[in-house]
Protein backbone atom coordinates (compact mmCIF):
# COMPACT_ATOMS: atom_id res chain seq x y z
CA MET A 1 0.00 0.00 0.00
CA ASN A 2 1.47 3.38 -0.98
CA ASN A 3 1.54 6.57 1.05
CA LYS A 4 -1.65 7.98 -0.47
CA ASN A 5 -3.65 4.85 0.34
CA TYR A 6 -2.36 4.80 3.91
CA LEU A 7 -3.28 8.43 4.45
CA LEU A 8 -6.71 7.97 2.83
CA THR A 9 -7.47 5.02 5.12
CA PHE A 10 -6.25 6.99 8.12
CA LEU A 11 -8.43 10.01 7.32
CA LEU A 12 -11.50 7.86 6.62
CA CYS A 13 -11.15 6.26 10.06
CA MET A 14 -10.92 9.69 11.69
CA LEU A 15 -13.95 11.02 9.82
CA PHE A 16 -16.02 7.94 10.63
CA THR A 17 -15.22 8.31 14.33
CA ILE A 18 -16.07 12.01 14.29
CA HIS A 19 -19.38 11.37 12.54
CA ALA A 20 -20.34 8.56 14.92
CA ASN A 21 -19.66 10.70 17.98
CA ALA A 22 -21.34 13.83 16.64
CA GLN A 23 -24.58 11.83 16.14
CA GLY A 24 -24.76 11.14 19.86
CA ILE A 25 -23.91 14.50 21.41
CA GLY A 26 -26.47 16.92 19.99
CA ASN A 27 -28.93 16.57 22.89
CA ASN A 28 -29.01 19.71 25.01
CA ASP A 29 -30.86 17.81 27.74
CA LYS A 30 -28.16 15.19 28.29
CA LYS A 31 -27.64 14.29 31.93
CA GLU A 32 -24.28 14.61 33.63
CA ILE A 33 -22.59 11.29 34.33
CA LYS A 34 -21.97 10.89 38.04
CA ASP A 35 -18.95 9.28 39.63
CA LEU A 36 -19.17 5.59 40.47
CA VAL A 37 -19.05 5.80 44.27
CA LEU A 38 -20.20 3.38 46.95
CA LYS A 39 -20.78 5.02 50.35
CA LEU A 40 -19.66 2.85 53.26
CA ASN A 41 -21.22 5.07 55.93
CA GLU A 42 -24.04 7.60 56.09
CA ASP A 43 -22.00 10.76 55.57
CA GLY A 44 -19.85 9.30 52.78
CA SER A 45 -16.55 9.85 54.58
CA HIS A 46 -15.90 6.13 54.14
CA TYR A 47 -16.30 5.17 50.51
CA LEU A 48 -15.10 3.16 47.52
CA LYS A 49 -14.79 4.78 44.09
CA THR A 50 -14.31 3.14 40.70
CA THR A 51 -13.05 4.64 37.43
CA LEU A 52 -12.72 3.16 33.94
CA LEU A 53 -10.51 4.37 31.07
CA SER A 54 -9.90 3.33 27.48
CA GLN A 55 -7.58 5.01 24.97
CA ILE A 56 -7.70 3.71 21.40
CA TRP A 57 -5.09 4.76 18.83
CA VAL A 58 -5.37 4.86 15.04
CA ARG A 59 -2.00 5.64 13.43
CA TYR A 60 -0.04 6.15 10.27
CA THR A 61 3.71 5.85 10.95
CA GLN A 62 6.79 6.38 8.83
CA ASN A 63 8.95 3.57 10.17
CA ASN A 64 12.66 3.89 10.90
CA PRO A 65 14.91 2.83 7.99
CA GLY A 66 15.42 -0.95 7.92
CA SER A 67 12.30 -1.72 9.98
CA THR A 68 10.86 -5.20 9.61
CA ILE A 69 7.82 -7.11 10.84
CA ASP A 70 8.57 -10.78 11.41
CA GLY A 71 11.55 -10.39 9.07
CA TYR A 72 9.66 -8.65 6.25
CA PRO A 73 10.51 -5.02 5.37
CA GLU A 74 7.90 -2.44 6.38
CA GLY A 75 8.58 1.17 5.43
CA GLU A 76 5.30 2.55 6.75
CA THR A 77 2.54 1.17 8.92
CA PHE A 78 -1.16 1.80 9.43
CA ASP A 79 -2.36 0.27 12.68
CA ILE A 80 -5.05 0.34 15.35
CA GLY A 81 -4.36 -0.44 18.99
CA ILE A 82 -5.36 0.00 22.60
CA ARG A 83 -2.84 2.32 24.19
CA ARG A 84 -4.32 1.98 27.68
CA LEU A 85 -7.18 0.10 29.30
CA ARG A 86 -7.56 0.77 33.01
CA ALA A 87 -9.87 0.17 35.97
CA GLN A 88 -9.27 1.76 39.37
CA ILE A 89 -10.87 1.12 42.75
CA PHE A 90 -9.89 3.18 45.77
CA GLY A 91 -11.26 4.81 48.88
CA LYS A 92 -11.22 5.29 52.63
CA ILE A 93 -12.45 2.20 54.44
CA SER A 94 -12.04 3.82 57.86
CA ASP A 95 -11.04 7.21 59.26
CA LYS A 96 -7.34 6.41 58.92
CA VAL A 97 -7.03 3.72 56.21
CA PHE A 98 -6.96 4.31 52.43
CA ILE A 99 -6.65 1.57 49.81
CA TYR A 100 -5.91 1.82 46.11
CA ALA A 101 -5.77 -0.73 43.31
CA GLN A 102 -5.47 -0.37 39.54
CA PHE A 103 -5.72 -3.07 36.88
CA GLY A 104 -5.42 -2.94 33.13
CA GLN A 105 -3.34 -3.35 30.01
CA ASN A 106 -1.03 -1.22 27.89
CA ASN A 107 0.01 -1.27 24.25
CA LEU A 108 -2.21 -3.92 22.69
CA SER A 109 -1.77 -3.92 18.91
CA TYR A 110 -1.67 -6.21 15.88
CA ASP A 111 1.81 -7.44 16.91
CA SER A 112 0.96 -8.16 20.56
CA PRO A 113 0.65 -11.66 22.06
CA ARG A 114 -2.96 -12.74 21.82
CA LYS A 115 -5.48 -13.35 24.63
CA GLN A 116 -3.55 -11.34 27.21
CA GLY A 117 -5.02 -10.88 30.66
CA LEU A 118 -5.19 -7.78 32.82
CA PHE A 119 -2.27 -7.19 35.18
CA ILE A 120 -1.87 -5.22 38.40
CA HIS A 121 -0.64 -1.66 38.00
CA ASP A 122 -1.08 -0.55 41.61
CA ALA A 123 -1.93 -2.24 44.91
CA LEU A 124 -1.31 -0.31 48.13
CA ALA A 125 -2.55 0.35 51.63
CA GLU A 126 -2.06 3.71 53.34
CA LEU A 127 -2.32 4.87 56.94
CA GLU A 128 -3.02 8.48 57.88
CA ILE A 129 -0.59 9.59 60.58
CA SER A 130 -1.67 13.23 60.74
CA PRO A 131 -4.53 14.73 58.73
CA GLU A 132 -3.10 16.31 55.57
CA TYR A 133 0.42 16.54 56.98
CA CYS A 134 1.54 12.92 56.69
CA SER A 135 0.38 9.51 55.48
CA ILE A 136 2.54 6.43 55.05
CA GLY A 137 1.89 3.48 52.80
CA ALA A 138 3.38 0.48 51.06
CA GLY A 139 2.79 -1.72 48.03
CA LEU A 140 3.18 -1.62 44.27
CA THR A 141 2.70 2.08 43.67
CA GLY A 142 3.33 5.18 41.58
CA TRP A 143 4.33 7.26 44.62
CA SER A 144 7.78 8.04 43.27
CA GLY A 145 10.17 10.91 42.94
CA LEU A 146 11.81 13.04 40.28
CA SER A 147 9.22 15.26 38.56
CA ARG A 148 5.56 16.04 37.96
CA TYR A 149 4.95 13.55 35.17
CA ALA A 150 6.99 10.73 36.62
CA SER A 151 3.48 9.63 37.70
CA PRO A 152 0.97 11.21 35.29
CA ALA A 153 -2.81 11.01 35.53
CA VAL A 154 -3.27 9.48 32.09
CA GLY A 155 -6.91 10.51 31.71
CA SER A 156 -6.04 14.24 31.87
CA ILE A 157 -2.87 14.34 29.75
CA LEU A 158 -2.74 17.55 27.71
CA SER A 159 -0.89 16.10 24.73
CA LEU A 160 -1.32 12.67 23.19
CA ASP A 161 0.98 11.10 25.77
CA ALA A 162 2.93 12.08 28.85
CA PRO A 163 6.64 13.04 28.59
CA LEU A 164 7.72 9.43 28.97
CA TYR A 165 11.39 10.22 29.60
CA GLN A 166 10.28 11.29 33.11
CA GLN A 167 9.28 7.68 33.80
CA ALA A 168 12.99 7.17 33.93
CA THR A 169 13.23 3.42 34.57
CA ASN A 170 9.96 2.46 32.86
CA ASP A 171 9.77 -1.34 32.55
CA VAL A 172 13.52 -1.74 33.13
CA ASN A 173 13.44 -2.32 36.88
CA ASP A 174 9.86 -1.22 37.54
CA GLN A 175 6.39 -2.10 36.19
CA PHE A 176 5.22 0.69 33.91
CA LEU A 177 6.70 3.23 36.39
CA ARG A 178 5.23 1.48 39.48
CA LYS A 179 7.60 0.17 42.13
CA TYR A 180 7.40 -1.91 45.29
CA SER A 181 7.83 0.90 47.78
CA VAL A 182 7.39 2.22 51.28
CA TYR A 183 6.42 5.88 51.04
CA ALA A 184 5.41 8.99 52.95
CA LYS A 185 3.40 11.84 51.50
CA GLY A 186 1.51 14.91 52.63
CA LYS A 187 1.14 18.69 52.63
CA ILE A 188 2.67 21.26 54.96
CA ASP A 189 0.73 24.43 54.19
CA ARG A 190 1.50 24.87 50.46
CA LEU A 191 4.43 22.48 50.37
CA ASP A 192 3.46 19.11 48.87
CA TYR A 193 5.95 16.25 49.30
CA ARG A 194 6.42 12.57 48.51
CA LEU A 195 9.35 10.40 49.59
CA ALA A 196 9.87 6.69 48.92
CA ILE A 197 12.25 3.79 49.32
CA SER A 198 11.79 1.16 46.61
CA LYS A 199 13.09 -2.30 45.80
CA PRO A 200 13.83 -2.38 42.06
CA LEU A 201 12.61 -5.36 40.08
CA THR A 202 15.13 -7.85 38.75
CA LEU A 203 16.07 -7.65 35.08
CA ALA A 204 15.27 -11.29 34.30
CA ASN A 205 11.84 -10.44 32.85
CA THR A 206 12.54 -7.14 31.13
CA SER A 207 12.74 -6.81 27.34
CA THR A 208 14.82 -3.62 27.47
CA GLN A 209 18.15 -5.08 28.63
CA TYR A 210 21.04 -6.18 26.44
CA SER A 211 22.41 -9.63 27.07
CA SER A 212 26.10 -8.87 27.55
CA LEU A 213 28.43 -6.17 28.86
CA GLN A 214 29.08 -3.28 26.49
CA ASN A 215 31.43 -0.30 26.51
CA TYR A 216 28.44 1.89 27.44
CA SER A 217 26.31 1.58 30.56
CA GLN A 218 23.37 -0.73 31.03
CA PHE A 219 21.41 -1.66 34.12
CA SER A 220 23.22 -4.32 36.10
CA PRO A 221 21.48 -7.71 36.43
CA LEU A 222 23.10 -8.30 39.85
CA PRO A 223 20.89 -8.18 42.98
CA THR A 224 19.68 -4.61 43.33
CA SER A 225 20.30 -1.99 45.98
CA PRO A 226 17.35 0.05 47.34
CA GLN A 227 16.22 3.00 45.27
CA TYR A 228 15.65 6.33 47.05
CA GLN A 229 13.42 8.99 45.56
CA GLY A 230 11.46 12.11 46.32
CA TYR A 231 9.58 15.05 44.82
CA ILE A 232 8.73 18.33 46.56
CA MET A 233 6.30 20.81 45.02
CA TYR A 234 5.31 24.28 46.22
CA GLN A 235 1.75 25.26 45.26
CA LEU A 236 1.43 29.03 44.97
CA LEU A 237 -2.24 29.26 43.89
CA ASP A 238 -4.95 26.59 44.11
CA LYS A 239 -3.93 23.41 45.88
CA GLU A 240 -3.90 20.09 44.08
CA SER A 241 -5.19 16.82 45.45
CA ASP A 242 -2.77 14.19 46.70
CA ILE A 243 -5.29 11.38 47.25
CA VAL A 244 -3.58 9.28 44.55
CA PRO A 245 -0.02 9.67 43.22
CA TYR A 246 -0.98 10.68 39.68
CA THR A 247 -0.67 14.34 38.69
CA THR A 248 -3.10 16.20 36.45
CA GLY A 249 -2.09 17.29 32.96
CA SER A 250 -4.92 19.79 32.42
CA TYR A 251 -7.75 20.95 34.69
CA LEU A 252 -9.66 22.30 31.65
CA GLY A 253 -9.91 25.75 33.18
CA LYS A 254 -11.40 24.59 36.49
CA LYS A 255 -8.41 25.66 38.60
CA ASN A 256 -5.70 28.28 38.67
CA ILE A 257 -2.43 26.48 39.33
CA LEU A 258 1.17 27.54 39.72
CA THR A 259 3.60 24.98 41.11
CA ILE A 260 7.37 24.80 41.36
CA GLY A 261 8.92 21.41 42.04
CA CYS A 262 12.16 19.47 42.21
CA GLY A 263 13.00 15.83 42.74
CA PHE A 264 15.50 12.99 42.55
CA ILE A 265 15.97 9.25 42.15
CA SER A 266 19.18 7.52 43.26
CA GLN A 267 20.39 3.94 43.35
CA LYS A 268 23.80 2.55 44.28
CA ASN A 269 25.62 0.45 41.65
CA ALA A 270 22.56 0.46 39.42
CA VAL A 271 24.48 0.26 36.13
CA TRP A 272 27.65 -1.30 34.78
CA HIS A 273 29.86 -1.20 31.68
CA ARG A 274 33.12 -2.67 30.43
CA GLU A 275 36.19 -0.48 30.09
CA ASN A 276 38.72 -0.88 27.29
CA ASN A 277 40.96 -2.91 29.57
CA LYS A 278 38.03 -5.35 29.99
CA ASP A 279 37.42 -4.37 33.61
CA THR A 280 33.78 -4.27 34.75
CA VAL A 281 32.85 -0.87 36.21
CA PHE A 282 29.79 -0.26 38.39
CA GLN A 283 28.26 3.21 38.64
CA ASN A 284 25.53 4.80 40.72
CA MET A 285 22.38 6.14 39.11
CA LEU A 286 21.43 9.71 40.02
CA LEU A 287 18.50 11.46 38.32
CA LEU A 288 17.61 15.09 39.09
CA ALA A 289 14.84 17.36 37.84
CA ALA A 290 13.24 20.76 38.45
CA ASP A 291 9.95 21.86 36.90
CA VAL A 292 7.17 24.42 36.85
CA TYR A 293 3.50 24.00 35.93
CA PHE A 294 0.84 26.67 35.46
CA GLU A 295 -2.79 26.85 34.43
CA HIS A 296 -4.81 30.06 34.29
CA THR A 297 -8.47 30.68 33.47
CA LEU A 298 -8.71 33.65 31.11
CA ASN A 299 -12.46 34.18 31.39
CA LYS A 300 -14.59 32.32 33.96
CA GLU A 301 -17.81 32.76 31.99
CA LEU A 302 -16.31 31.59 28.70
CA GLY A 303 -14.21 28.87 30.32
CA ASN A 304 -11.12 29.40 28.17
CA SER A 305 -7.69 28.90 29.73
CA ILE A 306 -4.00 28.48 29.07
CA ASN A 307 -1.57 26.05 30.64
CA GLY A 308 2.08 25.23 30.35
CA TYR A 309 4.81 23.06 31.74
CA ALA A 310 8.60 23.18 31.65
CA CYS A 311 11.12 20.76 33.12
CA TYR A 312 14.90 20.62 33.21
CA SER A 313 16.38 17.19 33.94
CA LYS A 314 19.92 16.01 34.55
CA TYR A 315 20.17 12.23 34.29
CA ASP A 316 23.23 10.15 35.12
CA TYR A 317 22.76 6.50 34.19
CA GLY A 318 26.49 5.98 33.80
CA LYS A 319 28.83 6.09 30.83
CA ASN A 320 27.07 6.85 27.53
CA TYR A 321 23.78 5.22 28.53
CA TYR A 322 20.91 5.63 26.11
CA ARG A 323 17.65 3.83 25.51
CA ASN A 324 15.24 3.91 22.59
CA LEU A 325 11.51 3.87 23.09
CA GLY A 326 8.81 3.20 20.51
CA VAL A 327 5.35 3.43 22.07
CA MET A 328 3.25 0.46 20.95
CA ASN A 329 6.05 -0.14 18.44
CA THR A 330 4.92 -0.50 14.84
CA ALA A 331 7.71 -2.97 13.92
CA ASN A 332 9.63 -5.73 15.70
CA GLY A 333 12.96 -5.81 13.87
CA ASN A 334 15.54 -3.81 11.94
CA ASN A 335 17.92 -5.11 9.27
CA GLN A 336 20.19 -2.02 9.17
CA ILE A 337 22.68 -2.26 12.02
CA ASN A 338 23.81 1.34 11.57
CA ILE A 339 20.36 2.72 12.48
CA VAL A 340 20.60 3.71 16.14
CA ASN A 341 16.82 4.13 16.63
CA GLY A 342 16.05 0.46 16.08
CA ALA A 343 12.67 -0.72 14.83
CA GLY A 344 9.44 1.05 13.96
CA ASN A 345 8.74 4.39 15.63
CA ALA A 346 11.50 4.22 18.29
CA PHE A 347 14.01 6.97 19.03
CA PRO A 348 16.48 7.83 21.86
CA VAL A 349 14.12 9.00 24.61
CA TYR A 350 16.34 8.26 27.64
CA GLY A 351 20.03 8.87 28.20
CA THR A 352 22.86 10.19 30.35
CA GLY A 353 22.85 13.95 29.89
CA ASN A 354 20.48 16.90 30.07
CA THR A 355 16.89 17.29 28.87
CA MET A 356 14.64 20.31 28.50
CA TYR A 357 10.94 19.64 28.01
CA VAL A 358 8.34 22.34 27.24
CA GLN A 359 4.57 21.98 26.80
CA LEU A 360 1.95 24.65 26.04
CA GLY A 361 -1.81 24.43 25.66
CA TYR A 362 -4.83 26.65 25.02
CA LEU A 363 -8.43 25.69 25.81
CA PHE A 364 -11.06 27.44 23.69
CA PRO A 365 -14.30 28.75 25.26
CA HIS A 366 -16.68 25.97 26.31
CA ASN A 367 -19.29 26.94 23.68
CA VAL A 368 -16.94 27.25 20.71
CA LEU A 369 -18.61 24.23 19.06
CA SER A 370 -22.03 24.87 20.59
CA THR A 371 -23.47 21.51 21.71
CA LEU A 372 -20.55 19.60 20.16
CA GLY A 373 -18.08 20.46 22.93
CA THR A 374 -14.92 22.51 22.65
CA LEU A 375 -11.32 22.35 21.44
CA GLN A 376 -7.89 22.44 23.04
CA VAL A 377 -4.66 22.91 21.08
CA TYR A 378 -1.18 22.04 22.32
CA SER A 379 2.47 21.75 21.36
CA CYS A 380 5.42 19.97 23.02
CA MET A 381 9.17 19.68 22.63
CA GLN A 382 11.75 17.37 24.18
CA TYR A 383 15.32 18.57 23.67
CA SER A 384 17.92 16.12 25.00
CA SER A 385 21.67 16.58 24.95
CA TYR A 386 22.83 13.04 25.69
CA ASP A 387 26.52 12.25 26.06
CA ILE A 388 26.54 9.56 23.38
CA LEU A 389 24.76 11.65 20.73
CA HIS A 390 26.88 14.08 18.74
CA ILE A 391 23.76 16.04 17.77
CA PRO A 392 21.09 16.68 20.45
CA MET A 393 17.80 14.83 20.15
CA MET A 394 14.78 17.05 19.52
CA MET A 395 11.28 15.58 19.38
CA LEU A 396 8.47 17.90 18.28
CA GLU A 397 4.79 17.24 18.79
CA GLY A 398 1.56 19.13 18.33
CA GLY A 399 -2.13 18.53 18.03
CA ILE A 400 -5.70 19.27 18.99
CA ASN A 401 -8.12 17.73 21.49
CA TRP A 402 -11.83 17.67 20.71
CA LEU A 403 -13.40 17.67 24.17
CA ILE A 404 -16.86 16.25 23.56
CA ASP A 405 -17.62 15.82 27.24
CA GLY A 406 -14.46 17.10 28.89
CA ASN A 407 -11.96 14.28 29.38
CA ARG A 408 -14.78 11.73 29.60
CA SER A 409 -15.14 11.59 25.83
CA LYS A 410 -12.21 13.08 23.94
CA ILE A 411 -10.79 12.73 20.44
CA SER A 412 -7.19 13.84 19.86
CA PHE A 413 -5.31 14.39 16.62
CA ASN A 414 -1.54 14.42 16.99
CA TYR A 415 1.57 14.70 14.84
CA GLN A 416 4.98 13.70 16.20
CA ASN A 417 8.28 14.36 14.45
CA ARG A 418 11.43 12.47 15.55
CA PRO A 419 15.09 12.35 14.47
CA ILE A 420 16.70 9.29 12.89
CA TYR A 421 20.25 8.58 14.09
CA SER A 422 22.91 6.58 12.27
CA LYS A 423 26.20 5.27 13.69
CA ASP A 424 29.36 5.12 11.55
CA ILE A 425 32.44 2.91 11.98
CA LEU A 426 33.95 5.47 14.40
CA ASP A 427 30.85 5.28 16.63
CA ILE A 428 29.77 8.79 15.68
CA TYR A 429 25.99 9.19 16.20
CA THR A 430 24.52 11.72 13.75
CA ILE A 431 21.05 12.57 12.41
CA ILE A 432 20.36 11.43 8.85
CA ASP A 433 16.62 12.11 8.61
CA ARG A 434 13.44 13.08 10.45
CA LEU A 435 10.25 11.04 10.23
CA GLY A 436 6.71 11.46 11.47
CA MET A 437 3.75 9.71 13.04
CA PHE A 438 0.08 10.76 12.75
CA THR A 439 -2.20 9.51 15.53
CA MET A 440 -5.88 9.79 16.33
CA GLN A 441 -6.82 8.83 19.88
CA TYR A 442 -10.33 8.26 21.19
CA GLN A 443 -10.56 8.36 24.98
CA ILE A 444 -13.53 7.22 27.05
CA MET A 445 -13.37 7.70 30.82
CA ILE A 446 -15.89 7.24 33.60
């Protein structure tokens, strides 16, 4: 199938989805969907709440040079997949005890193993030590350190996806950013904090690790040391909730927010590499970040707002560490060994070095489409100067959200542009091209 046919199919799918949704949202008398809450006592202070989320992607992707699917060349791919499928249940079962569990799946596509079951994302119990000031908990959890979107609330993401480089050990020695941890969290006036000690997962079951020592760092497969992490955020305007660990990407004009934060993750002897004299060298991992988030309602009656986010990160994974990431990767092989990116839509997202990430969004007035909802436009940039890359990595992204019923029913159109790196015989990593990916996402959330 040539480029024109791929694009035609892609656009037809988008138009069909738009038409199908527009048919069902023209009723001015529609009733507001209420939260799924079970009260455990008369005043509702003890409760259980359930949420459901589905994010479906339809994509056209220009694959990295040399990409293959089961050994067959594939220069471009049209695919449909389930980016996320989630169910949460959480609540206070007594005055002092909070429980939280999340189940679901990620990245189900045409190339995924069939008949997969749901797996546990989160499972924790939390005890309130002092109202608001301090709670402690333990379990498999997203209460982690580093930065705002190290634990993003996926249902409220402004752009198509969160800045995934902030989930700095995603599926290497954690489970989609979650870790087995003991944590403390709370608020002291306007200071919001979270601190945790985690036991990293072993590397035996990860698909991101190379099999042998290299002259650049990789995570060590030896028994792991504890991981220490924290994130402190000062909230200058409206306060944000800390009931669950996941931070909001956009409040859709319902709050005025200005936060300044900083965080860290550290682990002793987390990575290793082989020096030229064949000695094995262990190095500590130290990840640092500082960020700022704002959201401001321009007109309360119209409901329009702006929001933005900026983060500076300094990551040290050891000598020349880098890692490619291709979300719901469109290919599973590459027959050109000089292509650094690897298969499909992957590119160097993580690495030892410095990263600047910027995100801006504008929410149109709530009646801009009359009964059909409203629109929100956004743009993002990740600029990473990694030690191993001779030219910094810059990923550009932009798009528009059609908010049919806020984040409950949302259609997003997104374009991402990424660099393609090639390595020569002198191990010089340079950019030889830039390729793109068009994505439509339909999100349903209750």
